[in-house]
Protein backbone atom coordinates (compact mmCIF):
# COMPACT_ATOMS: atom_id res chain seq x y z
CA MET A 1 -16.44 -4.26 -40.68
CA GLY A 2 -14.04 -6.16 -38.39
CA THR A 3 -10.55 -5.19 -37.38
CA THR A 4 -7.45 -6.61 -38.96
CA ALA A 5 -4.21 -7.61 -37.26
CA GLY A 6 -2.54 -4.51 -35.86
CA GLU A 7 -5.82 -2.57 -35.68
CA MET A 8 -7.76 -2.11 -32.47
CA THR A 9 -10.84 -0.11 -31.78
CA GLY A 10 -11.42 1.63 -28.47
CA SER A 11 -13.82 -1.12 -27.43
CA ASP A 12 -11.12 -3.79 -27.99
CA VAL A 13 -8.75 -2.28 -25.43
CA ALA A 14 -9.35 -3.50 -21.89
CA GLU A 15 -9.71 -0.69 -19.40
CA ALA A 16 -7.17 -0.66 -16.56
CA THR A 17 -8.63 -0.90 -13.07
CA PRO A 18 -6.68 0.50 -10.09
CA LEU A 19 -5.62 -2.13 -7.57
CA GLY A 20 -3.65 -1.96 -4.34
CA VAL A 21 -2.42 -4.48 -1.79
CA VAL A 22 -1.67 -3.15 1.67
CA ILE A 23 -1.04 -4.08 5.27
CA GLU A 24 -3.77 -2.54 7.36
CA ILE A 25 -2.96 -1.33 10.86
CA PRO A 26 -4.90 -2.86 13.77
CA SER A 27 -6.71 -0.84 16.45
CA PRO A 28 -5.82 0.84 18.74
CA LEU A 29 -2.61 1.66 16.81
CA GLU A 30 -4.72 2.69 13.82
CA ASP A 31 -6.43 5.37 15.94
CA THR A 32 -3.10 6.81 17.13
CA LEU A 33 -1.66 6.85 13.62
CA ARG A 34 -4.80 8.45 12.17
CA ALA A 35 -4.57 11.21 14.80
CA TRP A 36 -0.93 11.83 13.84
CA ARG A 37 -1.88 11.91 10.17
CA GLN A 38 -4.58 14.50 11.02
CA ARG A 39 -2.17 16.60 13.08
CA TYR A 40 0.74 16.66 10.64
CA GLY A 41 -0.83 15.98 7.27
CA GLY A 42 -4.26 17.55 7.60
CA GLU A 43 -7.72 16.30 6.81
CA LEU A 44 -6.79 14.66 3.51
CA SER A 45 -4.12 12.50 5.16
CA ALA A 46 -6.46 11.60 8.04
CA ARG A 47 -9.21 10.40 5.69
CA ILE A 48 -6.93 7.68 4.34
CA ALA A 49 -6.50 4.87 6.85
CA PRO A 50 -2.88 4.35 7.90
CA HIS A 51 -1.35 1.42 6.03
CA ILE A 52 1.84 -0.02 4.56
CA THR A 53 1.58 -0.31 0.79
CA LEU A 54 2.89 -3.56 -0.67
CA VAL A 55 1.97 -2.79 -4.28
CA SER A 56 -0.16 -0.24 -6.07
CA GLY A 57 -0.97 -0.15 -9.74
CA SER A 58 -3.65 -1.21 -12.15
CA THR A 59 -4.79 -4.30 -13.97
CA THR A 60 -6.82 -5.10 -17.06
CA ASP A 61 -7.79 -8.48 -15.57
CA TRP A 62 -9.05 -8.06 -12.00
CA ASP A 63 -9.84 -11.76 -11.55
CA ALA A 64 -6.35 -12.90 -12.58
CA ALA A 65 -4.74 -10.27 -10.36
CA ALA A 66 -6.96 -11.23 -7.40
CA ARG A 67 -6.11 -14.93 -7.88
CA HIS A 68 -2.43 -14.01 -7.86
CA VAL A 69 -2.83 -12.00 -4.63
CA HIS A 70 -4.62 -15.01 -3.08
CA GLN A 71 -1.74 -17.30 -4.09
CA VAL A 72 0.91 -14.94 -2.69
CA ALA A 73 -1.01 -14.58 0.59
CA ALA A 74 -1.45 -18.35 0.87
CA ARG A 75 2.34 -18.91 0.58
CA ALA A 76 3.24 -16.20 3.11
CA SER A 77 3.54 -16.50 6.88
CA SER A 78 2.58 -14.09 9.62
CA PHE A 79 5.31 -11.71 10.74
CA THR A 80 5.91 -8.80 13.09
CA VAL A 81 6.20 -5.20 11.97
CA ARG A 82 7.99 -2.76 14.21
CA LEU A 83 7.69 0.88 13.27
CA HIS A 84 10.43 3.07 14.68
CA GLY A 85 11.57 6.58 13.95
CA THR A 86 10.88 8.80 10.99
CA GLY A 87 12.17 9.25 7.49
CA THR A 88 11.34 11.32 4.46
CA PHE A 89 11.33 11.08 0.68
CA ARG A 90 11.92 14.84 0.39
CA PRO A 91 13.00 16.49 -1.87
CA ILE A 92 11.89 13.83 -4.41
CA THR A 93 8.40 13.42 -2.92
CA PRO A 94 6.91 15.50 -0.09
CA VAL A 95 6.39 12.63 2.37
CA VAL A 96 7.31 12.03 6.02
CA TYR A 97 6.89 8.47 7.23
CA LEU A 98 7.51 6.02 10.04
CA ASN A 99 10.24 3.51 9.25
CA VAL A 100 9.43 -0.19 9.05
CA GLU A 101 12.38 -1.32 11.16
CA GLU A 102 11.37 -4.94 11.74
CA GLY A 103 9.41 -6.77 9.05
CA ALA A 104 10.89 -4.78 6.15
CA GLU A 105 12.35 -7.94 4.61
CA ALA A 106 8.98 -9.74 4.78
CA CYS A 107 7.25 -6.69 3.24
CA GLY A 108 9.86 -6.62 0.47
CA LYS A 109 9.36 -10.31 -0.26
CA LEU A 110 5.58 -9.84 -0.51
CA HIS A 111 6.11 -6.81 -2.77
CA ASP A 112 8.40 -8.78 -5.10
CA GLU A 113 6.06 -11.78 -5.25
CA LEU A 114 3.03 -9.58 -5.94
CA LEU A 115 4.87 -7.95 -8.85
CA ALA A 116 5.89 -11.35 -10.28
CA GLY A 117 2.49 -11.91 -11.84
CA PRO A 118 -0.37 -10.08 -13.53
CA MET A 119 0.39 -6.90 -11.56
CA ARG A 120 3.90 -6.63 -13.01
CA HIS A 121 4.83 -3.05 -13.84
CA GLU A 122 7.87 -0.82 -13.86
CA VAL A 123 8.60 0.92 -10.58
CA SER A 124 10.31 4.31 -10.65
CA TYR A 125 12.05 3.87 -7.31
CA GLY A 126 13.13 0.89 -5.24
CA TYR A 127 10.55 -0.42 -2.78
CA ARG A 128 10.90 0.92 0.77
CA PRO A 129 8.21 -0.25 3.18
CA HIS A 130 6.96 2.66 5.27
CA LEU A 131 3.88 4.16 6.88
CA THR A 132 3.11 7.66 5.62
CA ILE A 133 2.35 10.26 8.29
CA ALA A 134 2.33 13.45 6.18
CA HIS A 135 2.04 13.75 2.41
CA GLU A 136 2.09 17.01 0.49
CA ALA A 137 1.74 19.00 3.73
CA ASP A 138 3.58 22.27 4.22
CA ASP A 139 7.26 21.97 5.09
CA SER A 140 6.84 23.18 8.67
CA ALA A 141 4.25 20.46 9.43
CA MET A 142 6.44 17.80 7.85
CA ASP A 143 9.50 19.06 9.76
CA LEU A 144 7.49 18.93 12.99
CA ALA A 145 6.28 15.37 12.29
CA GLN A 146 9.79 14.22 11.49
CA GLU A 147 11.15 15.71 14.72
CA GLU A 148 8.33 14.90 17.15
CA LEU A 149 7.90 11.28 16.05
CA LYS A 150 11.60 10.42 15.66
CA ASP A 151 11.61 8.27 18.83
CA GLU A 152 8.18 6.66 18.44
CA THR A 153 8.00 2.87 18.35
CA MET A 154 5.05 0.51 17.85
CA SER A 155 4.72 -3.14 16.86
CA PHE A 156 1.97 -5.39 15.58
CA THR A 157 1.54 -8.79 13.99
CA VAL A 158 0.72 -8.97 10.30
CA ASP A 159 -1.48 -12.00 9.62
CA SER A 160 -3.41 -10.65 6.64
CA ILE A 161 -3.17 -8.32 3.67
CA GLY A 162 -5.91 -6.22 2.13
CA LEU A 163 -6.83 -6.18 -1.57
CA PHE A 164 -8.19 -2.74 -2.47
CA GLY A 165 -9.91 -1.29 -5.50
CA ILE A 166 -11.61 1.97 -6.37
CA ASP A 167 -15.29 2.14 -5.43
CA SER A 168 -18.12 4.00 -7.17
CA THR A 169 -17.24 7.23 -5.31
CA GLY A 170 -13.64 7.14 -6.55
CA ALA A 171 -12.20 6.18 -3.15
CA TRP A 172 -10.00 3.19 -2.34
CA SER A 173 -12.05 0.50 -0.62
CA LEU A 174 -11.28 -2.93 0.76
CA ARG A 175 -12.43 -5.70 -1.57
CA GLU A 176 -10.97 -8.63 0.38
CA GLU A 177 -8.88 -9.26 3.47
CA LEU A 178 -6.68 -12.29 2.88
CA GLY A 179 -5.15 -14.27 5.73
CA LEU A 180 -1.48 -15.11 5.33
CA GLY A 181 -0.99 -18.85 4.96
CA GLY A 182 -4.68 -19.23 4.07
CA PRO A 183 -6.36 -21.19 1.27
CA THR A 184 -6.08 -20.09 -2.36
CA ARG A 185 -8.99 -19.77 -4.75
């Protein structure tokens, strides 16, 4: 027997697939940041490559979401990110991060454009581009990270964004690296 309007069976509901779009950090800066994440945030933080999240969520139509990410990347231009000093989301969320001092506006524009399509969802807090150093570490480690890294500065050029999904092991993995200003599909 078929379903009528207003009725849906479990097989009719599309399953949501996690999706993230991030700015990956180039070497050798990536190595330095990973070491800091290990020191202040522990093994769990170090296993996740340092990155700046542009959008994270889920989609029921991966292909449409990926096409949208391609279109946003194609319209964007390369820009410089300068990380400087530390900040925290405590007491709301136990996170210590490096501030995106230069390039925050470009990150915000990418974030807004990515959410203006099939990845649209409600966000609990305003978008603040940052690079997490310690997450859910003990307070003394987060205090130490915030103090010791408060004068650190590093810069790099962003000329691509990474489209990530969850792999068969349950870990985030890069599906595509998309050049900014590149062709759409």
